Amino acid sequence: MKDGYFATEQQAEVFYNELTWLCVNQYGSFNSPVWFNVGLYDVYGIAGSKHNYRWTPGACGGACQNSYEYPQSSACFIQSVKDSMEDIMRLAPARRCCSSMGPGREPTYQH
């Protein structure tokens, strides 16, 4: 409710119950970064290290002071790269920003 994803408590509860059912009955599951990183700060107040980067549209963003406040919840990222040395070199710092809290780090280059 606090982030505004649901209009009512009832909608949030229905979503929670449906997700719980999917996980308990093994019809679906979150990837490992969600299990290990998400909710530790919001639910339990656990602070993480200062090395995570917060994603900001159009930029890498800055280093977070608490990596569990803005946790890494994706296991993989798809990043485009043009067929030029300049663009390939541009990809290196972008990979560092995306990969500091455990998701896949190996790029897949396609042309």
C-alpha atoms as a PDB file:
ATOM      1  CA  MET A   1       0.000   0.000   0.000  1.00  0.00           C
ATOM      2  CA  LYS A   2       2.745   2.460   0.873  1.00  0.00           C
ATOM      3  CA  ASP A   3       4.134   2.609  -2.674  1.00  0.00           C
ATOM      4  CA  GLY A   4       0.737   3.135  -4.296  1.00  0.00           C
ATOM      5  CA  TYR A   5       0.506  -0.102  -6.276  1.00  0.00           C
ATOM      6  CA  PHE A   6      -2.996  -0.843  -5.028  1.00  0.00           C
ATOM      7  CA  ALA A   7      -5.983   1.432  -4.566  1.00  0.00           C
ATOM      8  CA  THR A   8      -7.385  -0.468  -1.589  1.00  0.00           C
ATOM      9  CA  GLU A   9      -6.247  -2.779   1.202  1.00  0.00           C
ATOM     10  CA  GLN A  10      -8.521  -5.458  -0.242  1.00  0.00           C
ATOM     11  CA  GLN A  11      -6.719  -5.346  -3.620  1.00  0.00           C
ATOM     12  CA  ALA A  12      -3.354  -5.650  -1.869  1.00  0.00           C
ATOM     13  CA  GLU A  13      -4.581  -8.603   0.198  1.00  0.00           C
ATOM     14  CA  VAL A  14      -5.945 -10.407  -2.868  1.00  0.00           C
ATOM     15  CA  PHE A  15      -2.604  -9.927  -4.646  1.00  0.00           C
ATOM     16  CA  TYR A  16      -0.698 -11.198  -1.597  1.00  0.00           C
ATOM     17  CA  ASN A  17      -2.963 -14.263  -1.302  1.00  0.00           C
ATOM     18  CA  GLU A  18      -2.658 -15.092  -5.000  1.00  0.00           C
ATOM     19  CA  LEU A  19       1.143 -14.796  -4.945  1.00  0.00           C
ATOM     20  CA  THR A  20       1.286 -16.942  -1.833  1.00  0.00           C
ATOM     21  CA  TRP A  21      -0.873 -19.608  -3.490  1.00  0.00           C
ATOM     22  CA  LEU A  22       1.334 -19.632  -6.607  1.00  0.00           C
ATOM     23  CA  CYS A  23       4.510 -20.097  -4.542  1.00  0.00           C
ATOM     24  CA  VAL A  24       3.143 -22.606  -2.009  1.00  0.00           C
ATOM     25  CA  ASN A  25       1.602 -24.769  -4.733  1.00  0.00           C
ATOM     26  CA  GLN A  26       4.769 -24.491  -6.867  1.00  0.00           C
ATOM     27  CA  TYR A  27       3.113 -22.936  -9.898  1.00  0.00           C
ATOM     28  CA  GLY A  28       5.630 -20.114  -9.892  1.00  0.00           C
ATOM     29  CA  SER A  29       8.483 -18.691  -7.910  1.00  0.00           C
ATOM     30  CA  PHE A  30      10.657 -15.623  -7.761  1.00  0.00           C
ATOM     31  CA  ASN A  31      14.270 -15.714  -8.882  1.00  0.00           C
ATOM     32  CA  SER A  32      17.020 -15.849  -6.262  1.00  0.00           C
ATOM     33  CA  PRO A  33      17.759 -12.082  -6.035  1.00  0.00           C
ATOM     34  CA  VAL A  34      14.163 -11.515  -4.936  1.00  0.00           C
ATOM     35  CA  TRP A  35      14.378 -14.178  -2.223  1.00  0.00           C
ATOM     36  CA  PHE A  36      17.746 -12.908  -0.976  1.00  0.00           C
ATOM     37  CA  ASN A  37      17.480  -9.117  -1.362  1.00  0.00           C
ATOM     38  CA  VAL A  38      13.907  -7.797  -1.451  1.00  0.00           C
ATOM     39  CA  GLY A  39      12.109  -6.838   1.756  1.00  0.00           C
ATOM     40  CA  LEU A  40      15.037  -6.988   4.142  1.00  0.00           C
ATOM     41  CA  TYR A  41      15.034  -3.222   4.691  1.00  0.00           C
ATOM     42  CA  ASP A  42      11.295  -2.488   4.358  1.00  0.00           C
ATOM     43  CA  VAL A  43      10.094  -5.401   6.469  1.00  0.00           C
ATOM     44  CA  TYR A  44      12.939  -6.074   8.902  1.00  0.00           C
ATOM     45  CA  GLY A  45      14.966  -2.837   8.900  1.00  0.00           C
ATOM     46  CA  ILE A  46      18.143  -4.647   7.818  1.00  0.00           C
ATOM     47  CA  ALA A  47      20.631  -2.302   6.162  1.00  0.00           C
ATOM     48  CA  GLY A  48      22.940  -3.515   3.418  1.00  0.00           C
ATOM     49  CA  SER A  49      26.360  -2.407   2.276  1.00  0.00           C
ATOM     50  CA  LYS A  50      27.064   0.816   0.414  1.00  0.00           C
ATOM     51  CA  HIS A  51      28.156  -0.722  -2.889  1.00  0.00           C
ATOM     52  CA  ASN A  52      24.831  -1.155  -4.703  1.00  0.00           C
ATOM     53  CA  TYR A  53      23.806   1.213  -7.499  1.00  0.00           C
ATOM     54  CA  ARG A  54      20.283   2.535  -7.838  1.00  0.00           C
ATOM     55  CA  TRP A  55      18.912   2.452 -11.365  1.00  0.00           C
ATOM     56  CA  THR A  56      17.766   5.795 -12.698  1.00  0.00           C
ATOM     57  CA  PRO A  57      16.158   6.073 -16.157  1.00  0.00           C
ATOM     58  CA  GLY A  58      18.766   7.267 -18.668  1.00  0.00           C
ATOM     59  CA  ALA A  59      21.672   7.092 -16.218  1.00  0.00           C
ATOM     60  CA  CYS A  60      23.534   4.691 -13.989  1.00  0.00           C
ATOM     61  CA  GLY A  61      22.543   6.638 -10.901  1.00  0.00           C
ATOM     62  CA  GLY A  62      24.663   6.890  -7.834  1.00  0.00           C
ATOM     63  CA  ALA A  63      25.824   4.491  -5.211  1.00  0.00           C
ATOM     64  CA  CYS A  64      23.179   3.787  -2.575  1.00  0.00           C
ATOM     65  CA  GLN A  65      24.030   4.186   1.071  1.00  0.00           C
ATOM     66  CA  ASN A  66      21.926   1.095   1.850  1.00  0.00           C
ATOM     67  CA  SER A  67      21.793  -1.637  -0.792  1.00  0.00           C
ATOM     68  CA  TYR A  68      18.655  -3.203   0.716  1.00  0.00           C
ATOM     69  CA  GLU A  69      16.709   0.055   0.495  1.00  0.00           C
ATOM     70  CA  TYR A  70      16.894  -0.236  -3.319  1.00  0.00           C
ATOM     71  CA  PRO A  71      17.528  -3.980  -3.721  1.00  0.00           C
ATOM     72  CA  GLN A  72      18.590  -5.815  -6.839  1.00  0.00           C
ATOM     73  CA  SER A  73      15.614  -7.970  -7.819  1.00  0.00           C
ATOM     74  CA  SER A  74      16.542  -9.074 -11.332  1.00  0.00           C
ATOM     75  CA  ALA A  75      18.673 -12.063 -12.181  1.00  0.00           C
ATOM     76  CA  CYS A  76      19.558 -10.904 -15.694  1.00  0.00           C
ATOM     77  CA  PHE A  77      19.648  -7.742 -17.742  1.00  0.00           C
ATOM     78  CA  ILE A  78      19.431  -7.264 -21.490  1.00  0.00           C
ATOM     79  CA  GLN A  79      21.479  -4.351 -22.755  1.00  0.00           C
ATOM     80  CA  SER A  80      21.735  -3.294 -26.370  1.00  0.00           C
ATOM     81  CA  VAL A  81      25.064  -2.620 -28.000  1.00  0.00           C
ATOM     82  CA  LYS A  82      25.840  -1.214 -31.432  1.00  0.00           C
ATOM     83  CA  ASP A  83      28.516  -2.724 -33.661  1.00  0.00           C
ATOM     84  CA  SER A  84      31.221  -0.226 -32.738  1.00  0.00           C
ATOM     85  CA  MET A  85      34.151  -0.251 -30.337  1.00  0.00           C
ATOM     86  CA  GLU A  86      32.858   2.937 -28.696  1.00  0.00           C
ATOM     87  CA  ASP A  87      29.513   1.357 -27.869  1.00  0.00           C
ATOM     88  CA  ILE A  88      31.115  -1.865 -26.647  1.00  0.00           C
ATOM     89  CA  MET A  89      33.280   0.188 -24.270  1.00  0.00           C
ATOM     90  CA  ARG A  90      30.176   2.118 -23.148  1.00  0.00           C
ATOM     91  CA  LEU A  91      28.652  -1.154 -22.047  1.00  0.00           C
ATOM     92  CA  ALA A  92      31.346  -1.878 -19.424  1.00  0.00           C
ATOM     93  CA  PRO A  93      30.317   0.764 -16.835  1.00  0.00           C
ATOM     94  CA  ALA A  94      26.638  -0.002 -17.454  1.00  0.00           C
ATOM     95  CA  ARG A  95      27.298  -3.664 -16.619  1.00  0.00           C
ATOM     96  CA  ARG A  96      29.029  -2.623 -13.390  1.00  0.00           C
ATOM     97  CA  CYS A  97      26.011  -0.567 -12.329  1.00  0.00           C
ATOM     98  CA  CYS A  98      23.540  -3.354 -13.029  1.00  0.00           C
ATOM     99  CA  SER A  99      25.587  -6.180 -11.575  1.00  0.00           C
ATOM    100  CA  SER A 100      26.762  -4.970  -8.202  1.00  0.00           C
ATOM    101  CA  MET A 101      24.246  -6.986  -6.136  1.00  0.00           C
ATOM    102  CA  GLY A 102      24.255 -10.429  -7.707  1.00  0.00           C
ATOM    103  CA  PRO A 103      22.445 -10.651 -11.052  1.00  0.00           C
ATOM    104  CA  GLY A 104      23.936 -12.287 -14.107  1.00  0.00           C
ATOM    105  CA  ARG A 105      26.996 -10.498 -15.410  1.00  0.00           C
ATOM    106  CA  GLU A 106      27.760 -12.149 -18.712  1.00  0.00           C
ATOM    107  CA  PRO A 107      26.498 -10.239 -21.739  1.00  0.00           C
ATOM    108  CA  THR A 108      24.924 -11.788 -24.797  1.00  0.00           C
ATOM    109  CA  TYR A 109      26.020  -9.944 -27.904  1.00  0.00           C
ATOM    110  CA  GLN A 110      23.701 -10.134 -30.873  1.00  0.00           C
ATOM    111  CA  HIS A 111      23.831  -8.333 -34.191  1.00  0.00           C
END
